[in-house]
PDB file of N, CA and C in Angstrom:
ATOM      1  N   UNK A   1    -171.410-100.587  -5.348  1.00  0.00           N
ATOM      2  CA  UNK A   1    -171.219 -99.022  -5.957  1.00  0.00           C
ATOM      3  C   UNK A   1    -171.326 -99.283  -7.414  1.00  0.00           C
ATOM      4  N   UNK A   2    -172.201 -98.650  -8.195  1.00  0.00           N
ATOM      5  CA  UNK A   2    -172.447 -98.778  -9.667  1.00  0.00           C
ATOM      6  C   UNK A   2    -171.312 -97.850 -10.276  1.00  0.00           C
ATOM      7  N   UNK A   3    -170.412 -98.611 -11.211  1.00  0.00           N
ATOM      8  CA  UNK A   3    -169.401 -97.903 -11.805  1.00  0.00           C
ATOM      9  C   UNK A   3    -169.494 -98.313 -13.323  1.00  0.00           C
ATOM     10  N   UNK A   4    -169.295 -97.244 -14.083  1.00  0.00           N
ATOM     11  CA  UNK A   4    -169.111 -97.357 -15.661  1.00  0.00           C
ATOM     12  C   UNK A   4    -167.907 -96.768 -15.917  1.00  0.00           C
ATOM     13  N   UNK A   5    -166.919 -97.402 -16.688  1.00  0.00           N
ATOM     14  CA  UNK A   5    -165.719 -96.968 -17.156  1.00  0.00           C
ATOM     15  C   UNK A   5    -165.547 -96.938 -18.508  1.00  0.00           C
ATOM     16  N   UNK A   6    -165.593 -95.681 -19.309  1.00  0.00           N
ATOM     17  CA  UNK A   6    -165.409 -95.808 -20.875  1.00  0.00           C
ATOM     18  C   UNK A   6    -163.989 -95.750 -21.065  1.00  0.00           C
ATOM     19  N   UNK A   7    -163.780 -96.178 -22.290  1.00  0.00           N
ATOM     20  CA  UNK A   7    -162.358 -95.983 -22.860  1.00  0.00           C
ATOM     21  C   UNK A   7    -162.339 -96.134 -24.488  1.00  0.00           C
ATOM     22  N   UNK A   8    -161.280 -95.890 -25.041  1.00  0.00           N
ATOM     23  CA  UNK A   8    -161.239 -95.944 -26.529  1.00  0.00           C
ATOM     24  C   UNK A   8    -161.470 -94.725 -27.245  1.00  0.00           C
ATOM     25  N   UNK A   9    -161.653 -93.416 -26.655  1.00  0.00           N
ATOM     26  CA  UNK A   9    -161.936 -92.526 -27.398  1.00  0.00           C
ATOM     27  C   UNK A   9    -160.332 -91.923 -27.770  1.00  0.00           C
ATOM     28  N   UNK A  10    -160.481 -90.737 -28.590  1.00  0.00           N
ATOM     29  CA  UNK A  10    -159.167 -90.203 -29.035  1.00  0.00           C
ATOM     30  C   UNK A  10    -159.567 -89.236 -30.411  1.00  0.00           C
ATOM     31  N   UNK A  11    -158.094 -88.961 -31.073  1.00  0.00           N
ATOM     32  CA  UNK A  11    -158.427 -88.399 -32.174  1.00  0.00           C
ATOM     33  C   UNK A  11    -158.252 -89.298 -33.499  1.00  0.00           C
ATOM     34  N   UNK A  12    -159.009 -88.883 -34.484  1.00  0.00           N
ATOM     35  CA  UNK A  12    -159.080 -89.724 -35.598  1.00  0.00           C
ATOM     36  C   UNK A  12    -159.541 -88.740 -36.802  1.00  0.00           C
ATOM     37  N   UNK A  13    -158.931 -89.106 -37.999  1.00  0.00           N
ATOM     38  CA  UNK A  13    -159.245 -88.547 -39.072  1.00  0.00           C
ATOM     39  C   UNK A  13    -160.525 -88.768 -39.767  1.00  0.00           C
ATOM     40  N   UNK A  14    -161.136 -87.812 -40.443  1.00  0.00           N
ATOM     41  CA  UNK A  14    -162.474 -88.220 -41.047  1.00  0.00           C
ATOM     42  C   UNK A  14    -162.352 -89.553 -41.889  1.00  0.00           C
ATOM     43  N   UNK A  15    -163.449 -90.425 -41.857  1.00  0.00           N
ATOM     44  CA  UNK A  15    -163.413 -91.550 -42.464  1.00  0.00           C
ATOM     45  C   UNK A  15    -162.679 -92.787 -41.690  1.00  0.00           C
ATOM     46  N   UNK A  16    -162.076 -92.391 -40.498  1.00  0.00           N
ATOM     47  CA  UNK A  16    -161.386 -93.444 -39.652  1.00  0.00           C
ATOM     48  C   UNK A  16    -162.435 -94.053 -38.797  1.00  0.00           C
ATOM     49  N   UNK A  17    -161.859 -94.939 -37.912  1.00  0.00           N
ATOM     50  CA  UNK A  17    -162.768 -95.834 -37.038  1.00  0.00           C
ATOM     51  C   UNK A  17    -162.164 -95.777 -35.676  1.00  0.00           C
ATOM     52  N   UNK A  18    -163.059 -95.887 -34.742  1.00  0.00           N
ATOM     53  CA  UNK A  18    -162.593 -96.221 -33.224  1.00  0.00           C
ATOM     54  C   UNK A  18    -163.457 -97.127 -32.647  1.00  0.00           C
ATOM     55  N   UNK A  19    -163.307 -97.764 -31.556  1.00  0.00           N
ATOM     56  CA  UNK A  19    -164.059 -98.658 -30.775  1.00  0.00           C
ATOM     57  C   UNK A  19    -164.063 -98.107 -29.339  1.00  0.00           C
ATOM     58  N   UNK A  20    -164.988 -97.701 -28.840  1.00  0.00           N
ATOM     59  CA  UNK A  20    -165.392 -97.456 -27.498  1.00  0.00           C
ATOM     60  C   UNK A  20    -165.726 -98.629 -26.422  1.00  0.00           C
ATOM     61  N   UNK A  21    -165.195 -98.687 -25.510  1.00  0.00           N
ATOM     62  CA  UNK A  21    -165.659 -99.778 -24.572  1.00  0.00           C
ATOM     63  C   UNK A  21    -166.206 -98.974 -23.314  1.00  0.00           C
ATOM     64  N   UNK A  22    -167.004 -99.816 -22.600  1.00  0.00           N
ATOM     65  CA  UNK A  22    -167.742 -99.314 -21.221  1.00  0.00           C
ATOM     66  C   UNK A  22    -167.517-100.798 -20.465  1.00  0.00           C
ATOM     67  N   UNK A  23    -166.819-100.677 -19.294  1.00  0.00           N
ATOM     68  CA  UNK A  23    -166.862-101.835 -18.472  1.00  0.00           C
ATOM     69  C   UNK A  23    -167.604-101.472 -17.251  1.00  0.00           C
ATOM     70  N   UNK A  24    -168.520-102.335 -16.979  1.00  0.00           N
ATOM     71  CA  UNK A  24    -169.518-101.961 -15.885  1.00  0.00           C
ATOM     72  C   UNK A  24    -169.351-102.925 -14.567  1.00  0.00           C
ATOM     73  N   UNK A  25    -169.790-102.299 -13.292  1.00  0.00           N
ATOM     74  CA  UNK A  25    -169.580-103.062 -12.318  1.00  0.00           C
ATOM     75  C   UNK A  25    -170.700-102.426 -11.166  1.00  0.00           C
ATOM     76  N   UNK A  26    -170.860-103.375 -10.313  1.00  0.00           N
ATOM     77  CA  UNK A  26    -171.681-102.893  -9.123  1.00  0.00           C
ATOM     78  C   UNK A  26    -173.378-103.095  -9.479  1.00  0.00           C
ATOM     79  N   UNK A  27    -173.582-103.718 -10.511  1.00  0.00           N
ATOM     80  CA  UNK A  27    -175.078-103.973 -10.776  1.00  0.00           C
ATOM     81  C   UNK A  27    -175.072-105.289 -11.638  1.00  0.00           C
ATOM     82  N   UNK A  28    -176.538-105.716 -11.933  1.00  0.00           N
ATOM     83  CA  UNK A  28    -176.691-106.800 -12.629  1.00  0.00           C
ATOM     84  C   UNK A  28    -176.612-106.423 -14.155  1.00  0.00           C
ATOM     85  N   UNK A  29    -175.267-106.542 -14.796  1.00  0.00           N
ATOM     86  CA  UNK A  29    -175.237-106.145 -16.215  1.00  0.00           C
ATOM     87  C   UNK A  29    -176.134-106.478 -17.187  1.00  0.00           C
ATOM     88  N   UNK A  30    -176.418-107.863 -17.045  1.00  0.00           N
ATOM     89  CA  UNK A  30    -177.329-108.542 -17.825  1.00  0.00           C
ATOM     90  C   UNK A  30    -178.721-108.179 -17.994  1.00  0.00           C
ATOM     91  N   UNK A  31    -179.178-107.382 -16.775  1.00  0.00           N
ATOM     92  CA  UNK A  31    -180.496-106.882 -16.538  1.00  0.00           C
ATOM     93  C   UNK A  31    -180.564-105.438 -16.819  1.00  0.00           C
ATOM     94  N   UNK A  32    -179.629-104.906 -17.705  1.00  0.00           N
ATOM     95  CA  UNK A  32    -179.792-103.510 -17.913  1.00  0.00           C
ATOM     96  C   UNK A  32    -179.639-103.189 -19.377  1.00  0.00           C
ATOM     97  N   UNK A  33    -180.317-102.155 -19.614  1.00  0.00           N
ATOM     98  CA  UNK A  33    -180.422-101.668 -21.200  1.00  0.00           C
ATOM     99  C   UNK A  33    -179.020-100.793 -20.999  1.00  0.00           C
ATOM    100  N   UNK A  34    -178.156-100.968 -22.106  1.00  0.00           N
ATOM    101  CA  UNK A  34    -177.139-100.187 -22.037  1.00  0.00           C
ATOM    102  C   UNK A  34    -177.102 -99.284 -23.379  1.00  0.00           C
ATOM    103  N   UNK A  35    -176.504 -98.100 -22.970  1.00  0.00           N
ATOM    104  CA  UNK A  35    -176.658 -97.101 -24.275  1.00  0.00           C
ATOM    105  C   UNK A  35    -175.387 -96.195 -24.300  1.00  0.00           C
ATOM    106  N   UNK A  36    -175.186 -95.696 -25.328  1.00  0.00           N
ATOM    107  CA  UNK A  36    -174.051 -94.611 -25.793  1.00  0.00           C
ATOM    108  C   UNK A  36    -174.884 -93.338 -25.933  1.00  0.00           C
ATOM    109  N   UNK A  37    -174.503 -92.181 -25.374  1.00  0.00           N
ATOM    110  CA  UNK A  37    -174.910 -91.039 -25.569  1.00  0.00           C
ATOM    111  C   UNK A  37    -173.571 -90.091 -25.874  1.00  0.00           C
ATOM    112  N   UNK A  38    -173.937 -88.979 -26.602  1.00  0.00           N
ATOM    113  CA  UNK A  38    -172.696 -88.177 -26.805  1.00  0.00           C
ATOM    114  C   UNK A  38    -173.324 -86.587 -26.593  1.00  0.00           C
ATOM    115  N   UNK A  39    -172.372 -85.790 -26.313  1.00  0.00           N
ATOM    116  CA  UNK A  39    -172.372 -84.515 -26.268  1.00  0.00           C
ATOM    117  C   UNK A  39    -171.207 -83.654 -26.954  1.00  0.00           C
ATOM    118  N   UNK A  40    -171.761 -83.108 -28.013  1.00  0.00           N
ATOM    119  CA  UNK A  40    -170.858 -82.261 -28.859  1.00  0.00           C
ATOM    120  C   UNK A  40    -170.546 -80.972 -28.387  1.00  0.00           C
ATOM    121  N   UNK A  41    -169.683 -80.114 -28.959  1.00  0.00           N
ATOM    122  CA  UNK A  41    -169.434 -78.868 -28.370  1.00  0.00           C
ATOM    123  C   UNK A  41    -170.824 -78.047 -28.486  1.00  0.00           C
ATOM    124  N   UNK A  42    -171.204 -77.215 -27.629  1.00  0.00           N
ATOM    125  CA  UNK A  42    -172.230 -76.373 -27.589  1.00  0.00           C
ATOM    126  C   UNK A  42    -173.757 -76.995 -27.815  1.00  0.00           C
ATOM    127  N   UNK A  43    -173.675 -78.391 -27.733  1.00  0.00           N
ATOM    128  CA  UNK A  43    -174.761 -79.165 -28.032  1.00  0.00           C
ATOM    129  C   UNK A  43    -175.341 -79.872 -26.853  1.00  0.00           C
ATOM    130  N   UNK A  44    -176.556 -80.369 -26.869  1.00  0.00           N
ATOM    131  CA  UNK A  44    -177.125 -80.964 -25.860  1.00  0.00           C
ATOM    132  C   UNK A  44    -176.810 -82.334 -25.950  1.00  0.00           C
ATOM    133  N   UNK A  45    -176.808 -83.240 -25.026  1.00  0.00           N
ATOM    134  CA  UNK A  45    -176.652 -84.579 -24.880  1.00  0.00           C
ATOM    135  C   UNK A  45    -177.637 -85.390 -25.656  1.00  0.00           C
ATOM    136  N   UNK A  46    -177.110 -86.216 -26.448  1.00  0.00           N
ATOM    137  CA  UNK A  46    -178.045 -87.243 -27.225  1.00  0.00           C
ATOM    138  C   UNK A  46    -177.732 -88.495 -27.293  1.00  0.00           C
ATOM    139  N   UNK A  47    -178.835 -89.273 -27.600  1.00  0.00           N
ATOM    140  CA  UNK A  47    -178.718 -90.878 -27.652  1.00  0.00           C
ATOM    141  C   UNK A  47    -178.028 -91.086 -29.031  1.00  0.00           C
ATOM    142  N   UNK A  48    -176.923 -92.031 -28.761  1.00  0.00           N
ATOM    143  CA  UNK A  48    -176.313 -92.432 -30.150  1.00  0.00           C
ATOM    144  C   UNK A  48    -176.749 -93.882 -30.412  1.00  0.00           C
ATOM    145  N   UNK A  49    -176.807 -94.760 -29.463  1.00  0.00           N
ATOM    146  CA  UNK A  49    -177.238 -96.403 -29.701  1.00  0.00           C
ATOM    147  C   UNK A  49    -177.609 -96.657 -28.305  1.00  0.00           C
ATOM    148  N   UNK A  50    -178.441 -97.758 -28.429  1.00  0.00           N
ATOM    149  CA  UNK A  50    -178.795 -98.591 -27.247  1.00  0.00           C
ATOM    150  C   UNK A  50    -178.907-100.013 -27.585  1.00  0.00           C
ATOM    151  N   UNK A  51    -178.725-100.773 -26.471  1.00  0.00           N
ATOM    152  CA  UNK A  51    -178.952-102.216 -26.803  1.00  0.00           C
ATOM    153  C   UNK A  51    -179.769-102.794 -25.455  1.00  0.00           C
ATOM    154  N   UNK A  52    -180.898-103.541 -25.781  1.00  0.00           N
ATOM    155  CA  UNK A  52    -181.621-104.043 -24.901  1.00  0.00           C
ATOM    156  C   UNK A  52    -180.951-105.257 -24.221  1.00  0.00           C
ATOM    157  N   UNK A  53    -181.697-105.939 -23.153  1.00  0.00           N
ATOM    158  CA  UNK A  53    -181.059-107.104 -22.580  1.00  0.00           C
ATOM    159  C   UNK A  53    -181.280-108.316 -23.309  1.00  0.00           C
ATOM    160  N   UNK A  54    -182.106-108.142 -24.516  1.00  0.00           N
ATOM    161  CA  UNK A  54    -182.180-109.297 -25.260  1.00  0.00           C
ATOM    162  C   UNK A  54    -181.419-108.967 -26.878  1.00  0.00           C
ATOM    163  N   UNK A  55    -180.487-108.110 -26.379  1.00  0.00           N
ATOM    164  CA  UNK A  55    -179.520-107.893 -27.659  1.00  0.00           C
ATOM    165  C   UNK A  55    -180.114-107.208 -28.774  1.00  0.00           C
ATOM    166  N   UNK A  56    -181.135-106.340 -28.599  1.00  0.00           N
ATOM    167  CA  UNK A  56    -181.757-105.676 -29.710  1.00  0.00           C
ATOM    168  C   UNK A  56    -181.105-104.189 -29.786  1.00  0.00           C
ATOM    169  N   UNK A  57    -180.531-103.944 -30.924  1.00  0.00           N
ATOM    170  CA  UNK A  57    -179.891-102.553 -31.007  1.00  0.00           C
ATOM    171  C   UNK A  57    -180.872-101.492 -31.561  1.00  0.00           C
ATOM    172  N   UNK A  58    -180.606-100.272 -31.351  1.00  0.00           N
ATOM    173  CA  UNK A  58    -181.251 -99.204 -31.946  1.00  0.00           C
ATOM    174  C   UNK A  58    -180.281 -98.037 -32.069  1.00  0.00           C
ATOM    175  N   UNK A  59    -180.420 -97.204 -32.999  1.00  0.00           N
ATOM    176  CA  UNK A  59    -179.437 -96.208 -33.407  1.00  0.00           C
ATOM    177  C   UNK A  59    -180.165 -94.899 -33.721  1.00  0.00           C
ATOM    178  N   UNK A  60    -179.395 -93.776 -33.557  1.00  0.00           N
ATOM    179  CA  UNK A  60    -179.813 -92.481 -33.962  1.00  0.00           C
ATOM    180  C   UNK A  60    -179.871 -92.476 -35.260  1.00  0.00           C
ATOM    181  N   UNK A  61    -180.600 -91.797 -36.152  1.00  0.00           N
ATOM    182  CA  UNK A  61    -180.590 -91.820 -37.421  1.00  0.00           C
ATOM    183  C   UNK A  61    -179.098 -91.237 -37.863  1.00  0.00           C
ATOM    184  N   UNK A  62    -178.440 -90.330 -37.280  1.00  0.00           N
ATOM    185  CA  UNK A  62    -177.183 -90.031 -37.733  1.00  0.00           C
ATOM    186  C   UNK A  62    -176.130 -90.885 -37.875  1.00  0.00           C
ATOM    187  N   UNK A  63    -176.265 -92.030 -37.064  1.00  0.00           N
ATOM    188  CA  UNK A  63    -175.099 -92.969 -37.156  1.00  0.00           C
ATOM    189  C   UNK A  63    -175.449 -94.222 -37.723  1.00  0.00           C
ATOM    190  N   UNK A  64    -176.805 -94.353 -37.994  1.00  0.00           N
ATOM    191  CA  UNK A  64    -177.133 -95.849 -38.831  1.00  0.00           C
ATOM    192  C   UNK A  64    -176.270 -96.043 -39.836  1.00  0.00           C
ATOM    193  N   UNK A  65    -175.826 -97.458 -39.994  1.00  0.00           N
ATOM    194  CA  UNK A  65    -174.960 -97.963 -40.937  1.00  0.00           C
ATOM    195  C   UNK A  65    -173.375 -97.487 -40.826  1.00  0.00           C
ATOM    196  N   UNK A  66    -173.159 -96.759 -39.699  1.00  0.00           N
ATOM    197  CA  UNK A  66    -171.844 -96.370 -39.417  1.00  0.00           C
ATOM    198  C   UNK A  66    -171.479 -96.919 -38.190  1.00  0.00           C
ATOM    199  N   UNK A  67    -172.275 -97.101 -37.198  1.00  0.00           N
ATOM    200  CA  UNK A  67    -171.808 -97.391 -35.719  1.00  0.00           C
ATOM    201  C   UNK A  67    -172.730 -98.761 -35.501  1.00  0.00           C
ATOM    202  N   UNK A  68    -172.019 -99.476 -34.587  1.00  0.00           N
ATOM    203  CA  UNK A  68    -172.657-100.806 -34.301  1.00  0.00           C
ATOM    204  C   UNK A  68    -172.306-100.918 -32.845  1.00  0.00           C
ATOM    205  N   UNK A  69    -173.353-101.157 -32.095  1.00  0.00           N
ATOM    206  CA  UNK A  69    -173.299-101.275 -30.444  1.00  0.00           C
ATOM    207  C   UNK A  69    -173.286-102.692 -30.233  1.00  0.00           C
ATOM    208  N   UNK A  70    -172.745-103.298 -29.367  1.00  0.00           N
ATOM    209  CA  UNK A  70    -172.627-104.915 -28.971  1.00  0.00           C
ATOM    210  C   UNK A  70    -172.420-104.762 -27.470  1.00  0.00           C
ATOM    211  N   UNK A  71    -172.581-105.944 -26.866  1.00  0.00           N
ATOM    212  CA  UNK A  71    -172.568-106.270 -25.501  1.00  0.00           C
ATOM    213  C   UNK A  71    -172.264-107.547 -25.246  1.00  0.00           C
ATOM    214  N   UNK A  72    -171.245-107.675 -24.217  1.00  0.00           N
ATOM    215  CA  UNK A  72    -170.764-108.918 -23.728  1.00  0.00           C
ATOM    216  C   UNK A  72    -171.001-109.220 -22.178  1.00  0.00           C
ATOM    217  N   UNK A  73    -172.010-109.807 -22.040  1.00  0.00           N
ATOM    218  CA  UNK A  73    -172.539-110.004 -20.691  1.00  0.00           C
ATOM    219  C   UNK A  73    -171.451-110.782 -19.814  1.00  0.00           C
ATOM    220  N   UNK A  74    -170.732-111.542 -20.374  1.00  0.00           N
ATOM    221  CA  UNK A  74    -169.613-112.391 -19.531  1.00  0.00           C
ATOM    222  C   UNK A  74    -168.469-111.372 -19.158  1.00  0.00           C
ATOM    223  N   UNK A  75    -168.377-110.480 -19.918  1.00  0.00           N
ATOM    224  CA  UNK A  75    -167.462-109.335 -19.614  1.00  0.00           C
ATOM    225  C   UNK A  75    -167.907-107.964 -19.030  1.00  0.00           C
ATOM    226  N   UNK A  76    -169.161-108.027 -18.884  1.00  0.00           N
ATOM    227  CA  UNK A  76    -169.839-106.820 -18.293  1.00  0.00           C
ATOM    228  C   UNK A  76    -169.493-105.576 -19.044  1.00  0.00           C
ATOM    229  N   UNK A  77    -169.507-105.616 -20.464  1.00  0.00           N
ATOM    230  CA  UNK A  77    -168.835-104.819 -21.321  1.00  0.00           C
ATOM    231  C   UNK A  77    -169.753-104.555 -22.434  1.00  0.00           C
ATOM    232  N   UNK A  78    -169.900-103.145 -22.685  1.00  0.00           N
ATOM    233  CA  UNK A  78    -170.580-102.749 -24.036  1.00  0.00           C
ATOM    234  C   UNK A  78    -169.772-101.924 -24.774  1.00  0.00           C
ATOM    235  N   UNK A  79    -169.947-102.124 -26.095  1.00  0.00           N
ATOM    236  CA  UNK A  79    -168.900-101.555 -27.013  1.00  0.00           C
ATOM    237  C   UNK A  79    -169.652-100.707 -28.069  1.00  0.00           C
ATOM    238  N   UNK A  80    -168.818 -99.779 -28.659  1.00  0.00           N
ATOM    239  CA  UNK A  80    -169.490 -99.035 -29.803  1.00  0.00           C
ATOM    240  C   UNK A  80    -168.389 -98.836 -30.556  1.00  0.00           C
ATOM    241  N   UNK A  81    -168.745 -99.639 -31.811  1.00  0.00           N
ATOM    242  CA  UNK A  81    -167.609 -99.689 -33.034  1.00  0.00           C
ATOM    243  C   UNK A  81    -168.111 -98.629 -33.902  1.00  0.00           C
ATOM    244  N   UNK A  82    -167.193 -97.533 -34.009  1.00  0.00           N
ATOM    245  CA  UNK A  82    -167.750 -96.271 -34.829  1.00  0.00           C
ATOM    246  C   UNK A  82    -166.760 -96.359 -36.270  1.00  0.00           C
ATOM    247  N   UNK A  83    -167.372 -96.366 -37.370  1.00  0.00           N
ATOM    248  CA  UNK A  83    -166.689 -96.298 -38.637  1.00  0.00           C
ATOM    249  C   UNK A  83    -167.080 -95.134 -39.343  1.00  0.00           C
ATOM    250  N   UNK A  84    -166.511 -94.970 -40.480  1.00  0.00           N
ATOM    251  CA  UNK A  84    -166.730 -93.680 -41.481  1.00  0.00           C
ATOM    252  C   UNK A  84    -166.960 -92.450 -40.730  1.00  0.00           C
ATOM    253  N   UNK A  85    -166.088 -92.185 -39.738  1.00  0.00           N
ATOM    254  CA  UNK A  85    -166.382 -91.106 -38.711  1.00  0.00           C
ATOM    255  C   UNK A  85    -166.289 -89.649 -39.471  1.00  0.00           C
ATOM    256  N   UNK A  86    -167.176 -88.833 -39.051  1.00  0.00           N
ATOM    257  CA  UNK A  86    -167.111 -87.587 -39.789  1.00  0.00           C
ATOM    258  C   UNK A  86    -166.779 -86.448 -38.578  1.00  0.00           C
ATOM    259  N   UNK A  87    -166.764 -85.282 -39.182  1.00  0.00           N
ATOM    260  CA  UNK A  87    -166.469 -84.281 -38.294  1.00  0.00           C
ATOM    261  C   UNK A  87    -167.435 -84.148 -37.148  1.00  0.00           C
ATOM    262  N   UNK A  88    -168.641 -84.196 -37.596  1.00  0.00           N
ATOM    263  CA  UNK A  88    -169.838 -83.994 -36.688  1.00  0.00           C
ATOM    264  C   UNK A  88    -169.934 -84.977 -35.496  1.00  0.00           C
ATOM    265  N   UNK A  89    -169.262 -86.116 -35.718  1.00  0.00           N
ATOM    266  CA  UNK A  89    -169.198 -87.143 -34.636  1.00  0.00           C
ATOM    267  C   UNK A  89    -168.212 -86.655 -33.558  1.00  0.00           C
ATOM    268  N   UNK A  90    -167.596 -85.696 -33.636  1.00  0.00           N
ATOM    269  CA  UNK A  90    -166.798 -85.034 -32.529  1.00  0.00           C
ATOM    270  C   UNK A  90    -167.653 -84.740 -31.174  1.00  0.00           C
ATOM    271  N   UNK A  91    -167.446 -85.342 -30.060  1.00  0.00           N
ATOM    272  CA  UNK A  91    -168.209 -85.138 -28.750  1.00  0.00           C
ATOM    273  C   UNK A  91    -167.499 -85.997 -27.672  1.00  0.00           C
ATOM    274  N   UNK A  92    -168.049 -85.800 -26.562  1.00  0.00           N
ATOM    275  CA  UNK A  92    -167.577 -86.649 -25.478  1.00  0.00           C
ATOM    276  C   UNK A  92    -168.712 -87.559 -25.414  1.00  0.00           C
ATOM    277  N   UNK A  93    -168.286 -89.047 -25.391  1.00  0.00           N
ATOM    278  CA  UNK A  93    -169.256 -90.081 -25.389  1.00  0.00           C
ATOM    279  C   UNK A  93    -169.488 -90.726 -24.119  1.00  0.00           C
ATOM    280  N   UNK A  94    -170.649 -90.828 -23.800  1.00  0.00           N
ATOM    281  CA  UNK A  94    -171.061 -91.261 -22.329  1.00  0.00           C
ATOM    282  C   UNK A  94    -171.655 -92.585 -22.365  1.00  0.00           C
ATOM    283  N   UNK A  95    -171.266 -93.477 -21.512  1.00  0.00           N
ATOM    284  CA  UNK A  95    -171.998 -94.742 -21.421  1.00  0.00           C
ATOM    285  C   UNK A  95    -172.942 -94.840 -20.226  1.00  0.00           C
ATOM    286  N   UNK A  96    -174.179 -95.262 -20.589  1.00  0.00           N
ATOM    287  CA  UNK A  96    -175.147 -95.016 -19.554  1.00  0.00           C
ATOM    288  C   UNK A  96    -175.852 -96.741 -19.469  1.00  0.00           C
ATOM    289  N   UNK A  97    -176.247 -96.857 -18.225  1.00  0.00           N
ATOM    290  CA  UNK A  97    -177.007 -98.067 -17.867  1.00  0.00           C
ATOM    291  C   UNK A  97    -178.325 -97.932 -17.057  1.00  0.00           C
ATOM    292  N   UNK A  98    -179.189 -98.537 -17.511  1.00  0.00           N
ATOM    293  CA  UNK A  98    -180.417 -98.589 -16.793  1.00  0.00           C
ATOM    294  C   UNK A  98    -180.983 -99.895 -16.528  1.00  0.00           C
ATOM    295  N   UNK A  99    -181.064-100.060 -15.266  1.00  0.00           N
ATOM    296  CA  UNK A  99    -181.554-101.542 -14.732  1.00  0.00           C
ATOM    297  C   UNK A  99    -182.944-101.668 -15.063  1.00  0.00           C
ATOM    298  N   UNK A 100    -183.545-102.713 -15.650  1.00  0.00           N
ATOM    299  CA  UNK A 100    -184.935-102.858 -16.001  1.00  0.00           C
ATOM    300  C   UNK A 100    -185.743-103.041 -14.935  1.00  0.00           C
ATOM    301  N   UNK A 101    -185.368-103.678 -13.882  1.00  0.00           N
ATOM    302  CA  UNK A 101    -186.040-104.081 -12.618  1.00  0.00           C
ATOM    303  C   UNK A 101    -186.185-102.852 -11.725  1.00  0.00           C
ATOM    304  N   UNK A 102    -185.018-102.425 -11.190  1.00  0.00           N
ATOM    305  CA  UNK A 102    -185.195-101.310 -10.384  1.00  0.00           C
ATOM    306  C   UNK A 102    -185.154 -99.814 -10.788  1.00  0.00           C
ATOM    307  N   UNK A 103    -184.930 -99.810 -12.084  1.00  0.00           N
ATOM    308  CA  UNK A 103    -184.864 -98.659 -12.836  1.00  0.00           C
ATOM    309  C   UNK A 103    -183.814 -97.656 -12.579  1.00  0.00           C
ATOM    310  N   UNK A 104    -182.725 -97.970 -11.783  1.00  0.00           N
ATOM    311  CA  UNK A 104    -181.744 -97.298 -11.334  1.00  0.00           C
ATOM    312  C   UNK A 104    -180.909 -97.022 -12.793  1.00  0.00           C
ATOM    313  N   UNK A 105    -180.520 -95.853 -12.786  1.00  0.00           N
ATOM    314  CA  UNK A 105    -179.733 -95.321 -14.062  1.00  0.00           C
ATOM    315  C   UNK A 105    -178.345 -94.946 -13.367  1.00  0.00           C
ATOM    316  N   UNK A 106    -177.250 -94.998 -14.437  1.00  0.00           N
ATOM    317  CA  UNK A 106    -175.970 -94.707 -14.024  1.00  0.00           C
ATOM    318  C   UNK A 106    -175.226 -94.090 -15.387  1.00  0.00           C
ATOM    319  N   UNK A 107    -174.463 -93.282 -15.100  1.00  0.00           N
ATOM    320  CA  UNK A 107    -173.451 -92.677 -16.285  1.00  0.00           C
ATOM    321  C   UNK A 107    -172.009 -92.977 -15.957  1.00  0.00           C
ATOM    322  N   UNK A 108    -171.338 -93.172 -17.009  1.00  0.00           N
ATOM    323  CA  UNK A 108    -169.813 -93.180 -16.918  1.00  0.00           C
ATOM    324  C   UNK A 108    -169.354 -91.765 -17.076  1.00  0.00           C
ATOM    325  N   UNK A 109    -167.987 -91.550 -16.958  1.00  0.00           N
ATOM    326  CA  UNK A 109    -167.390 -90.257 -16.805  1.00  0.00           C
ATOM    327  C   UNK A 109    -167.176 -89.559 -18.164  1.00  0.00           C
ATOM    328  N   UNK A 110    -167.334 -90.598 -19.267  1.00  0.00           N
ATOM    329  CA  UNK A 110    -167.257 -89.843 -20.579  1.00  0.00           C
ATOM    330  C   UNK A 110    -165.863 -90.261 -21.125  1.00  0.00           C
ATOM    331  N   UNK A 111    -165.710 -90.323 -22.584  1.00  0.00           N
ATOM    332  CA  UNK A 111    -164.414 -90.518 -23.166  1.00  0.00           C
ATOM    333  C   UNK A 111    -164.637 -89.490 -24.535  1.00  0.00           C
ATOM    334  N   UNK A 112    -163.663 -88.635 -24.577  1.00  0.00           N
ATOM    335  CA  UNK A 112    -163.879 -87.717 -25.907  1.00  0.00           C
ATOM    336  C   UNK A 112    -163.266 -88.327 -27.101  1.00  0.00           C
ATOM    337  N   UNK A 113    -163.878 -88.125 -28.162  1.00  0.00           N
ATOM    338  CA  UNK A 113    -163.863 -88.452 -29.503  1.00  0.00           C
ATOM    339  C   UNK A 113    -163.678 -87.342 -30.435  1.00  0.00           C
ATOM    340  N   UNK A 114    -162.604 -86.987 -30.916  1.00  0.00           N
ATOM    341  CA  UNK A 114    -162.201 -85.869 -31.888  1.00  0.00           C
ATOM    342  C   UNK A 114    -161.899 -86.279 -33.344  1.00  0.00           C
ATOM    343  N   UNK A 115    -162.868 -85.870 -34.092  1.00  0.00           N
ATOM    344  CA  UNK A 115    -162.458 -86.107 -35.599  1.00  0.00           C
ATOM    345  C   UNK A 115    -162.017 -84.896 -36.328  1.00  0.00           C
ATOM    346  N   UNK A 116    -160.920 -85.055 -36.717  1.00  0.00           N
ATOM    347  CA  UNK A 116    -160.246 -83.816 -37.436  1.00  0.00           C
ATOM    348  C   UNK A 116    -159.354 -84.266 -38.340  1.00  0.00           C
ATOM    349  N   UNK A 117    -158.989 -83.515 -39.420  1.00  0.00           N
ATOM    350  CA  UNK A 117    -158.012 -83.681 -40.377  1.00  0.00           C
ATOM    351  C   UNK A 117    -156.793 -82.852 -40.017  1.00  0.00           C
TER     352      UNK A 117
END
């Protein structure tokens, strides 16, 4: 059974930092493209960052230079280091896995991030 469990969300002041983690199980983590999405209040879900099986990252323009995505295949974990957080980063952050061979797609339950003074 594919499972993605996010953690690390919370309340942070503008300019602060948080690190999100997503622990995966039930599939071949090293063969999956891992991504972080977010859905803000009243907004559609959007891609924040992704990382390929070859460790190549990509970022939404809105987070470039502030967020870093990384993966640890030995721990079946993907991280999102968020710095210089802004009010508009407030959202529920979701982990996504897409296996490159099977095409199977999975989502975590989400972890909320609130940026507020």
